[in-house]
Protein backbone atom coordinates (compact mmCIF):
# COMPACT_ATOMS: atom_id res chain seq x y z
CA UNK A 1 -14.05 39.42 -76.21
CA UNK A 2 -14.38 35.73 -74.83
CA UNK A 3 -11.34 33.39 -75.68
CA UNK A 4 -12.09 30.06 -77.56
CA UNK A 5 -11.83 26.96 -75.79
CA UNK A 6 -9.36 24.78 -76.95
CA UNK A 7 -8.64 21.14 -75.52
CA UNK A 8 -5.41 20.86 -73.46
CA UNK A 9 -4.14 18.19 -75.90
CA UNK A 10 -4.10 20.45 -78.70
CA UNK A 11 -2.63 23.44 -77.13
CA UNK A 12 1.11 24.33 -78.08
CA UNK A 13 3.62 23.21 -75.53
CA UNK A 14 4.37 26.73 -74.38
CA UNK A 15 0.62 27.16 -73.72
CA UNK A 16 0.49 24.11 -71.68
CA UNK A 17 3.65 25.28 -69.67
CA UNK A 18 1.87 28.32 -69.20
CA UNK A 19 -1.15 26.66 -67.95
CA UNK A 20 0.29 24.30 -65.85
CA UNK A 21 2.31 26.99 -64.13
CA UNK A 22 -0.78 28.98 -63.16
CA UNK A 23 -2.19 25.61 -61.40
CA UNK A 24 0.99 25.05 -59.62
CA UNK A 25 1.01 28.80 -58.43
CA UNK A 26 -0.18 28.69 -54.72
CA UNK A 27 -0.85 26.25 -51.74
CA UNK A 28 -2.72 28.93 -49.73
CA UNK A 29 -0.40 28.80 -46.55
CA UNK A 30 -0.16 24.81 -46.75
CA UNK A 31 3.67 23.43 -46.44
CA UNK A 32 3.47 20.21 -48.84
CA UNK A 33 6.73 19.08 -46.86
CA UNK A 34 4.55 18.44 -43.71
CA UNK A 35 1.95 16.49 -45.82
CA UNK A 36 4.02 13.54 -46.37
CA UNK A 37 2.94 10.05 -45.36
CA UNK A 38 5.18 7.90 -43.35
CA UNK A 39 6.34 4.68 -45.04
CA UNK A 40 5.37 1.34 -43.46
CA UNK A 41 8.59 0.34 -43.09
CA UNK A 42 9.54 3.36 -40.93
CA UNK A 43 6.70 2.96 -38.37
CA UNK A 44 7.73 1.31 -35.03
CA UNK A 45 5.79 -1.36 -33.86
CA UNK A 46 6.28 -2.29 -30.31
CA UNK A 47 6.94 -6.05 -29.92
CA UNK A 48 7.60 -8.23 -26.85
CA UNK A 49 11.47 -8.80 -26.61
CA UNK A 50 10.72 -12.37 -25.47
CA UNK A 51 7.61 -13.81 -27.10
CA UNK A 52 5.60 -15.76 -24.56
CA UNK A 53 4.57 -19.47 -25.60
CA UNK A 54 1.46 -20.53 -24.54
CA UNK A 55 2.02 -24.31 -24.39
CA UNK A 56 0.07 -26.20 -21.83
């Protein structure tokens, strides 16, 4: 027997939690901690120690 479709917003809190838990289950071997994007403040940019002035 087919279950009736009920919109997510109309589900009970308990049922929503069950659905969310099923969606969160597997990462299929992917480690989410290695997928972080480095912040722009932490990226080291090499700059010259003594800026060169181009005055003529």
